[in-house]
């Protein structure tokens, strides 16, 4: 294990822009997938599948 010195890193100073962008993409994809699934289920209900 690496020896981590507390003075080398200040809490909250890490650049998390990439993680925020990835998470936003994940949420957007999840919302679109949910909408698509609901639309398919409604379509199946309308055509008596």
PDB file of N, CA and C in Angstrom:
ATOM      1  N   UNK A   1       0.828  -1.183   0.000  1.00  0.00           N
ATOM      2  CA  UNK A   1       0.000   0.000   0.000  1.00  0.00           C
ATOM      3  C   UNK A   1       0.873   1.248   0.000  1.00  0.00           C
ATOM      4  N   UNK A   2       0.385   2.238  -0.643  1.00  0.00           N
ATOM      5  CA  UNK A   2       1.125   3.495  -0.696  1.00  0.00           C
ATOM      6  C   UNK A   2       0.936   4.262   0.611  1.00  0.00           C
ATOM      7  N   UNK A   3       1.976   4.968   0.987  1.00  0.00           N
ATOM      8  CA  UNK A   3       1.898   5.790   2.193  1.00  0.00           C
ATOM      9  C   UNK A   3       1.330   7.150   1.805  1.00  0.00           C
ATOM     10  N   UNK A   4       0.111   7.435   2.249  1.00  0.00           N
ATOM     11  CA  UNK A   4      -0.547   8.686   1.899  1.00  0.00           C
ATOM     12  C   UNK A   4      -0.343   9.706   3.003  1.00  0.00           C
ATOM     13  N   UNK A   5       0.208  10.841   2.603  1.00  0.00           N
ATOM     14  CA  UNK A   5       0.422  11.927   3.539  1.00  0.00           C
ATOM     15  C   UNK A   5      -0.786  12.853   3.472  1.00  0.00           C
ATOM     16  N   UNK A   6      -1.386  13.149   4.600  1.00  0.00           N
ATOM     17  CA  UNK A   6      -2.602  13.961   4.663  1.00  0.00           C
ATOM     18  C   UNK A   6      -2.397  15.351   4.075  1.00  0.00           C
ATOM     19  N   UNK A   7      -1.201  15.890   4.156  1.00  0.00           N
ATOM     20  CA  UNK A   7      -0.966  17.254   3.678  1.00  0.00           C
ATOM     21  C   UNK A   7      -0.855  17.333   2.155  1.00  0.00           C
ATOM     22  N   UNK A   8      -0.732  16.197   1.451  1.00  0.00           N
ATOM     23  CA  UNK A   8      -0.604  16.217  -0.005  1.00  0.00           C
ATOM     24  C   UNK A   8      -1.931  16.484  -0.712  1.00  0.00           C
ATOM     25  N   UNK A   9      -3.026  16.198  -0.062  1.00  0.00           N
ATOM     26  CA  UNK A   9      -4.331  16.321  -0.713  1.00  0.00           C
ATOM     27  C   UNK A   9      -5.297  17.100   0.177  1.00  0.00           C
ATOM     28  N   UNK A  10      -5.886  18.128  -0.393  1.00  0.00           N
ATOM     29  CA  UNK A  10      -6.890  18.888   0.339  1.00  0.00           C
ATOM     30  C   UNK A  10      -8.260  18.362  -0.056  1.00  0.00           C
ATOM     31  N   UNK A  11      -9.075  18.038   0.924  1.00  0.00           N
ATOM     32  CA  UNK A  11     -10.403  17.486   0.672  1.00  0.00           C
ATOM     33  C   UNK A  11     -11.218  18.426  -0.208  1.00  0.00           C
ATOM     34  N   UNK A  12     -11.824  17.853  -1.273  1.00  0.00           N
ATOM     35  CA  UNK A  12     -12.653  18.638  -2.166  1.00  0.00           C
ATOM     36  C   UNK A  12     -11.896  19.349  -3.279  1.00  0.00           C
ATOM     37  N   UNK A  13     -10.611  19.078  -3.446  1.00  0.00           N
ATOM     38  CA  UNK A  13      -9.840  19.790  -4.463  1.00  0.00           C
ATOM     39  C   UNK A  13      -9.670  18.997  -5.756  1.00  0.00           C
ATOM     40  N   UNK A  14     -10.159  17.763  -5.795  1.00  0.00           N
ATOM     41  CA  UNK A  14      -9.992  16.926  -6.980  1.00  0.00           C
ATOM     42  C   UNK A  14     -10.926  17.393  -8.100  1.00  0.00           C
ATOM     43  N   UNK A  15     -10.430  17.373  -9.333  1.00  0.00           N
ATOM     44  CA  UNK A  15     -11.242  17.738 -10.489  1.00  0.00           C
ATOM     45  C   UNK A  15     -12.127  16.540 -10.841  1.00  0.00           C
ATOM     46  N   UNK A  16     -13.440  16.704 -10.705  1.00  0.00           N
ATOM     47  CA  UNK A  16     -14.368  15.605 -10.955  1.00  0.00           C
ATOM     48  C   UNK A  16     -15.248  15.871 -12.170  1.00  0.00           C
ATOM     49  N   UNK A  17     -14.812  16.733 -13.055  1.00  0.00           N
ATOM     50  CA  UNK A  17     -15.603  17.088 -14.240  1.00  0.00           C
ATOM     51  C   UNK A  17     -15.923  15.852 -15.086  1.00  0.00           C
ATOM     52  N   UNK A  18     -14.958  14.961 -15.279  1.00  0.00           N
ATOM     53  CA  UNK A  18     -15.189  13.765 -16.093  1.00  0.00           C
ATOM     54  C   UNK A  18     -16.212  12.842 -15.435  1.00  0.00           C
ATOM     55  N   UNK A  19     -16.128  12.684 -14.123  1.00  0.00           N
ATOM     56  CA  UNK A  19     -17.092  11.837 -13.424  1.00  0.00           C
ATOM     57  C   UNK A  19     -18.494  12.427 -13.499  1.00  0.00           C
ATOM     58  N   UNK A  20     -18.603  13.749 -13.366  1.00  0.00           N
ATOM     59  CA  UNK A  20     -19.913  14.398 -13.452  1.00  0.00           C
ATOM     60  C   UNK A  20     -20.509  14.226 -14.845  1.00  0.00           C
ATOM     61  N   UNK A  21     -19.679  14.339 -15.869  1.00  0.00           N
ATOM     62  CA  UNK A  21     -20.132  14.176 -17.242  1.00  0.00           C
ATOM     63  C   UNK A  21     -20.588  12.734 -17.494  1.00  0.00           C
ATOM     64  N   UNK A  22     -19.841  11.773 -16.987  1.00  0.00           N
ATOM     65  CA  UNK A  22     -20.209  10.365 -17.132  1.00  0.00           C
ATOM     66  C   UNK A  22     -21.518  10.070 -16.418  1.00  0.00           C
ATOM     67  N   UNK A  23     -21.681  10.586 -15.212  1.00  0.00           N
ATOM     68  CA  UNK A  23     -22.911  10.355 -14.459  1.00  0.00           C
ATOM     69  C   UNK A  23     -24.111  10.984 -15.152  1.00  0.00           C
ATOM     70  N   UNK A  24     -23.942  12.193 -15.684  1.00  0.00           N
ATOM     71  CA  UNK A  24     -25.031  12.854 -16.407  1.00  0.00           C
ATOM     72  C   UNK A  24     -25.435  12.031 -17.629  1.00  0.00           C
ATOM     73  N   UNK A  25     -24.464  11.467 -18.331  1.00  0.00           N
ATOM     74  CA  UNK A  25     -24.757  10.602 -19.480  1.00  0.00           C
ATOM     75  C   UNK A  25     -25.489   9.344 -19.064  1.00  0.00           C
ATOM     76  N   UNK A  26     -25.097   8.769 -17.938  1.00  0.00           N
ATOM     77  CA  UNK A  26     -25.768   7.577 -17.422  1.00  0.00           C
ATOM     78  C   UNK A  26     -27.220   7.878 -17.068  1.00  0.00           C
ATOM     79  N   UNK A  27     -27.456   8.989 -16.402  1.00  0.00           N
ATOM     80  CA  UNK A  27     -28.827   9.367 -16.033  1.00  0.00           C
ATOM     81  C   UNK A  27     -29.654   9.606 -17.282  1.00  0.00           C
ATOM     82  N   UNK A  28     -29.093  10.306 -18.264  1.00  0.00           N
ATOM     83  CA  UNK A  28     -29.811  10.583 -19.516  1.00  0.00           C
ATOM     84  C   UNK A  28     -30.163   9.277 -20.230  1.00  0.00           C
ATOM     85  N   UNK A  29     -29.222   8.348 -20.302  1.00  0.00           N
ATOM     86  CA  UNK A  29     -29.472   7.065 -20.953  1.00  0.00           C
ATOM     87  C   UNK A  29     -30.552   6.278 -20.209  1.00  0.00           C
ATOM     88  N   UNK A  30     -30.528   6.315 -18.881  1.00  0.00           N
ATOM     89  CA  UNK A  30     -31.518   5.609 -18.084  1.00  0.00           C
ATOM     90  C   UNK A  30     -32.910   6.177 -18.312  1.00  0.00           C
ATOM     91  N   UNK A  31     -33.026   7.494 -18.381  1.00  0.00           N
ATOM     92  CA  UNK A  31     -34.324   8.122 -18.631  1.00  0.00           C
ATOM     93  C   UNK A  31     -34.844   7.731 -20.010  1.00  0.00           C
ATOM     94  N   UNK A  32     -33.999   7.784 -21.035  1.00  0.00           N
ATOM     95  CA  UNK A  32     -34.424   7.411 -22.387  1.00  0.00           C
ATOM     96  C   UNK A  32     -34.829   5.939 -22.457  1.00  0.00           C
ATOM     97  N   UNK A  33     -34.077   5.074 -21.801  1.00  0.00           N
ATOM     98  CA  UNK A  33     -34.423   3.643 -21.799  1.00  0.00           C
ATOM     99  C   UNK A  33     -35.758   3.410 -21.107  1.00  0.00           C
ATOM    100  N   UNK A  34     -36.002   4.103 -20.008  1.00  0.00           N
ATOM    101  CA  UNK A  34     -37.269   3.962 -19.295  1.00  0.00           C
ATOM    102  C   UNK A  34     -38.428   4.429 -20.154  1.00  0.00           C
ATOM    103  N   UNK A  35     -38.279   5.551 -20.822  1.00  0.00           N
ATOM    104  CA  UNK A  35     -39.324   6.063 -21.714  1.00  0.00           C
ATOM    105  C   UNK A  35     -39.576   5.070 -22.849  1.00  0.00           C
ATOM    106  N   UNK A  36     -38.523   4.522 -23.421  1.00  0.00           N
ATOM    107  CA  UNK A  36     -38.672   3.560 -24.516  1.00  0.00           C
ATOM    108  C   UNK A  36     -39.397   2.299 -24.045  1.00  0.00           C
ATOM    109  N   UNK A  37     -39.062   1.801 -22.873  1.00  0.00           N
ATOM    110  CA  UNK A  37     -39.713   0.607 -22.339  1.00  0.00           C
ATOM    111  C   UNK A  37     -41.193   0.865 -22.097  1.00  0.00           C
ATOM    112  N   UNK A  38     -41.513   2.013 -21.520  1.00  0.00           N
ATOM    113  CA  UNK A  38     -42.918   2.357 -21.278  1.00  0.00           C
ATOM    114  C   UNK A  38     -43.664   2.477 -22.602  1.00  0.00           C
ATOM    115  N   UNK A  39     -43.050   3.091 -23.609  1.00  0.00           N
ATOM    116  CA  UNK A  39     -43.687   3.225 -24.919  1.00  0.00           C
ATOM    117  C   UNK A  39     -43.946   1.859 -25.539  1.00  0.00           C
ATOM    118  N   UNK A  40     -43.002   0.949 -25.432  1.00  0.00           N
ATOM    119  CA  UNK A  40     -43.187  -0.407 -25.965  1.00  0.00           C
ATOM    120  C   UNK A  40     -44.317  -1.116 -25.234  1.00  0.00           C
ATOM    121  N   UNK A  41     -44.383  -0.982 -23.931  1.00  0.00           N
ATOM    122  CA  UNK A  41     -45.447  -1.627 -23.160  1.00  0.00           C
ATOM    123  C   UNK A  41     -46.822  -1.054 -23.537  1.00  0.00           C
ATOM    124  N   UNK A  42     -46.906   0.257 -23.723  1.00  0.00           N
ATOM    125  CA  UNK A  42     -48.170   0.866 -24.144  1.00  0.00           C
ATOM    126  C   UNK A  42     -48.554   0.362 -25.529  1.00  0.00           C
ATOM    127  N   UNK A  43     -47.601   0.317 -26.451  1.00  0.00           N
ATOM    128  CA  UNK A  43     -47.862  -0.189 -27.797  1.00  0.00           C
ATOM    129  C   UNK A  43     -48.351  -1.631 -27.748  1.00  0.00           C
ATOM    130  N   UNK A  44     -47.699  -2.462 -26.939  1.00  0.00           N
ATOM    131  CA  UNK A  44     -48.122  -3.861 -26.819  1.00  0.00           C
ATOM    132  C   UNK A  44     -49.539  -3.965 -26.262  1.00  0.00           C
ATOM    133  N   UNK A  45     -49.869  -3.100 -25.317  1.00  0.00           N
ATOM    134  CA  UNK A  45     -51.225  -3.088 -24.773  1.00  0.00           C
ATOM    135  C   UNK A  45     -52.266  -2.667 -25.793  1.00  0.00           C
ATOM    136  N   UNK A  46     -51.905  -1.726 -26.671  1.00  0.00           N
ATOM    137  CA  UNK A  46     -52.841  -1.245 -27.677  1.00  0.00           C
ATOM    138  C   UNK A  46     -53.104  -2.268 -28.779  1.00  0.00           C
ATOM    139  N   UNK A  47     -52.109  -3.074 -29.091  1.00  0.00           N
ATOM    140  CA  UNK A  47     -52.274  -4.069 -30.161  1.00  0.00           C
ATOM    141  C   UNK A  47     -52.595  -5.452 -29.598  1.00  0.00           C
ATOM    142  N   UNK A  48     -52.909  -5.520 -28.319  1.00  0.00           N
ATOM    143  CA  UNK A  48     -53.292  -6.773 -27.655  1.00  0.00           C
ATOM    144  C   UNK A  48     -52.238  -7.874 -27.812  1.00  0.00           C
ATOM    145  N   UNK A  49     -50.996  -7.515 -27.607  1.00  0.00           N
ATOM    146  CA  UNK A  49     -49.907  -8.485 -27.743  1.00  0.00           C
ATOM    147  C   UNK A  49     -49.866  -9.435 -26.567  1.00  0.00           C
TER     148      UNK A  49
END
